[in-house]
Amino acid sequence: GEIKVASWFEIKMWVKEMCEKYNIKAIIAHNARFDYKSCTTTQRMETCSKYRYFFPKGVEIWDTLKMAEDTICKQARYIKWCNENGYCRKNGKPRATAEILYRYISKDADFEEAHKAMEDVSIEREIFWHCIRQHKAMTRKCFKN
């Protein structure tokens, strides 16, 4: 309910403190590669490359896009649903945006992503849990070690 303007350094320190305070082992996002690159590029620009990485060392970056591609997107029901609703790429494969995946999971064809932090986190959490509940092998990490 409150907005606070902060410097990039303050934000980076807050993320680090929260990871330490709550013993966070992984940060999870849909299309996490984009977020990782954006934060890292901003970090380098803000510090003239004095500090190169935004996320705390040892905290893994997990990607619900990769997780969904390995689970939900391979299901015949999802592929059929995407075909019926026009949610396929030019190559015929089903699209896997957070908005489309959430429409499928929630059975709410009219859902529109708000693109506001807390609302986006809420739908990405649902995608994450839906993938986990599949009990299938999946790629979790954004980058291979």
Protein backbone atom coordinates (compact mmCIF):
# COMPACT_ATOMS: atom_id res chain seq x y z
CA GLY A 1 0.00 0.00 0.00
CA GLU A 2 3.01 2.29 0.12
CA ILE A 3 5.53 3.34 -2.52
CA LYS A 4 9.08 4.28 -1.62
CA VAL A 5 11.67 5.69 -4.01
CA ALA A 6 15.05 4.03 -3.53
CA SER A 7 18.45 4.05 -5.15
CA TRP A 8 19.67 1.00 -7.07
CA PHE A 9 22.14 0.30 -4.25
CA GLU A 10 19.34 0.41 -1.65
CA ILE A 11 17.27 -2.02 -3.70
CA LYS A 12 20.21 -4.39 -4.14
CA MET A 13 20.92 -4.31 -0.39
CA TRP A 14 17.25 -4.90 0.43
CA VAL A 15 17.17 -7.98 -1.83
CA LYS A 16 20.36 -9.27 -0.19
CA GLU A 17 18.99 -8.65 3.34
CA MET A 18 15.69 -10.41 2.54
CA CYS A 19 17.54 -13.42 1.12
CA GLU A 20 19.65 -13.65 4.27
CA LYS A 21 16.80 -12.95 6.71
CA TYR A 22 14.46 -15.56 5.21
CA ASN A 23 17.18 -18.01 4.09
CA ILE A 24 16.06 -17.72 0.48
CA LYS A 25 17.71 -20.30 -1.77
CA ALA A 26 15.97 -19.45 -5.06
CA ILE A 27 14.34 -16.45 -6.69
CA ILE A 28 11.62 -17.54 -9.10
CA ALA A 29 10.18 -15.57 -12.03
CA HIS A 30 8.51 -16.21 -15.37
CA ASN A 31 11.06 -15.66 -18.13
CA ALA A 32 13.66 -15.14 -15.41
CA ARG A 33 16.45 -14.80 -17.98
CA PHE A 34 14.97 -11.40 -18.94
CA ASP A 35 14.84 -10.23 -15.31
CA TYR A 36 18.34 -11.50 -14.60
CA LYS A 37 19.82 -9.74 -17.63
CA SER A 38 17.90 -6.52 -16.94
CA CYS A 39 19.02 -6.36 -13.31
CA THR A 40 22.61 -7.29 -14.15
CA THR A 41 22.82 -4.74 -16.97
CA THR A 42 21.35 -2.01 -14.76
CA GLN A 43 23.79 -2.97 -11.98
CA ARG A 44 26.75 -2.62 -14.34
CA MET A 45 25.52 0.68 -15.76
CA GLU A 46 24.79 2.16 -12.33
CA THR A 47 28.23 1.25 -10.98
CA CYS A 48 30.32 1.58 -14.17
CA SER A 49 30.89 -2.19 -13.84
CA LYS A 50 32.45 -1.85 -10.38
CA TYR A 51 29.75 -4.25 -9.20
CA ARG A 52 28.75 -6.74 -11.87
CA TYR A 53 25.98 -8.88 -10.38
CA PHE A 54 22.68 -7.86 -8.84
CA PHE A 55 21.44 -11.07 -7.24
CA PRO A 56 23.13 -12.38 -4.08
CA LYS A 57 25.77 -15.04 -4.59
CA GLY A 58 24.48 -18.54 -3.94
CA VAL A 59 20.82 -17.73 -4.62
CA GLU A 60 19.59 -19.72 -7.62
CA ILE A 61 17.42 -18.13 -10.29
CA TRP A 62 14.51 -20.39 -11.31
CA ASP A 63 12.38 -19.83 -14.39
CA THR A 64 8.69 -20.78 -14.47
CA LEU A 65 8.75 -20.38 -18.26
CA LYS A 66 11.22 -23.27 -18.54
CA MET A 67 9.27 -25.22 -15.96
CA ALA A 68 6.01 -24.73 -17.88
CA GLU A 69 7.65 -25.68 -21.19
CA ASP A 70 8.75 -28.96 -19.62
CA THR A 71 5.36 -29.75 -18.05
CA ILE A 72 2.20 -27.85 -19.03
CA CYS A 73 3.19 -27.04 -22.62
CA LYS A 74 3.77 -30.72 -23.43
CA GLN A 75 0.29 -31.78 -22.36
CA ALA A 76 -2.11 -32.67 -25.17
CA ARG A 77 -4.91 -30.76 -23.38
CA TYR A 78 -2.84 -27.54 -23.27
CA ILE A 79 -1.76 -27.87 -26.91
CA LYS A 80 -5.38 -28.43 -27.98
CA TRP A 81 -6.58 -25.48 -25.85
CA CYS A 82 -3.92 -23.20 -27.39
CA ASN A 83 -4.93 -24.29 -30.91
CA GLU A 84 -8.61 -23.65 -30.17
CA ASN A 85 -7.90 -20.19 -28.74
CA GLY A 86 -5.26 -19.02 -31.22
CA TYR A 87 -2.40 -19.13 -28.73
CA CYS A 88 0.18 -20.77 -30.98
CA ARG A 89 3.39 -19.39 -32.41
CA LYS A 90 4.10 -19.26 -36.13
CA ASN A 91 5.82 -22.66 -35.88
CA GLY A 92 2.66 -24.18 -34.39
CA LYS A 93 3.99 -24.61 -30.85
CA PRO A 94 1.84 -23.33 -27.99
CA ARG A 95 2.71 -19.94 -26.53
CA ALA A 96 3.78 -19.87 -22.90
CA THR A 97 3.38 -16.32 -21.65
CA ALA A 98 2.42 -15.95 -18.01
CA GLU A 99 -0.92 -14.48 -19.05
CA ILE A 100 -1.83 -17.38 -21.37
CA LEU A 101 -0.65 -20.03 -18.90
CA TYR A 102 -2.69 -18.41 -16.14
CA ARG A 103 -5.77 -18.27 -18.39
CA TYR A 104 -5.39 -22.01 -18.89
CA ILE A 105 -4.71 -22.85 -15.24
CA SER A 106 -7.51 -20.63 -13.87
CA LYS A 107 -9.95 -21.47 -16.67
CA ASP A 108 -10.52 -17.71 -17.05
CA ALA A 109 -10.30 -16.95 -20.78
CA ASP A 110 -10.85 -13.23 -20.14
CA PHE A 111 -7.95 -12.82 -17.67
CA GLU A 112 -5.65 -9.91 -18.51
CA GLU A 113 -2.31 -9.52 -16.78
CA ALA A 114 -2.10 -6.25 -14.85
CA HIS A 115 1.68 -5.93 -15.23
CA LYS A 116 1.89 -4.68 -11.65
CA ALA A 117 4.42 -6.30 -9.36
CA MET A 118 2.20 -7.97 -6.76
CA GLU A 119 -0.47 -9.11 -9.23
CA ASP A 120 2.22 -10.56 -11.52
CA VAL A 121 3.83 -12.36 -8.58
CA SER A 122 0.46 -13.88 -7.72
CA ILE A 123 -0.08 -15.42 -11.17
CA GLU A 124 3.55 -16.53 -11.46
CA ARG A 125 3.18 -18.27 -8.09
CA GLU A 126 0.17 -20.17 -9.45
CA ILE A 127 2.13 -21.20 -12.56
CA PHE A 128 5.00 -22.38 -10.34
CA TRP A 129 2.72 -24.47 -8.11
CA HIS A 130 0.87 -25.90 -11.09
CA CYS A 131 4.20 -27.05 -12.56
CA ILE A 132 5.36 -28.53 -9.24
CA ARG A 133 2.08 -30.45 -8.85
CA GLN A 134 2.74 -32.21 -12.17
CA HIS A 135 5.47 -34.28 -10.48
CA LYS A 136 7.44 -34.35 -13.75
CA ALA A 137 11.12 -33.84 -14.48
CA MET A 138 11.66 -30.21 -15.41
CA THR A 139 14.33 -27.57 -15.81
CA ARG A 140 14.13 -25.16 -12.90
CA LYS A 141 17.31 -23.12 -13.06
CA CYS A 142 17.50 -20.20 -15.41
CA PHE A 143 21.10 -21.00 -16.28
CA LYS A 144 23.03 -24.27 -16.25
CA ASN A 145 25.91 -24.39 -13.78
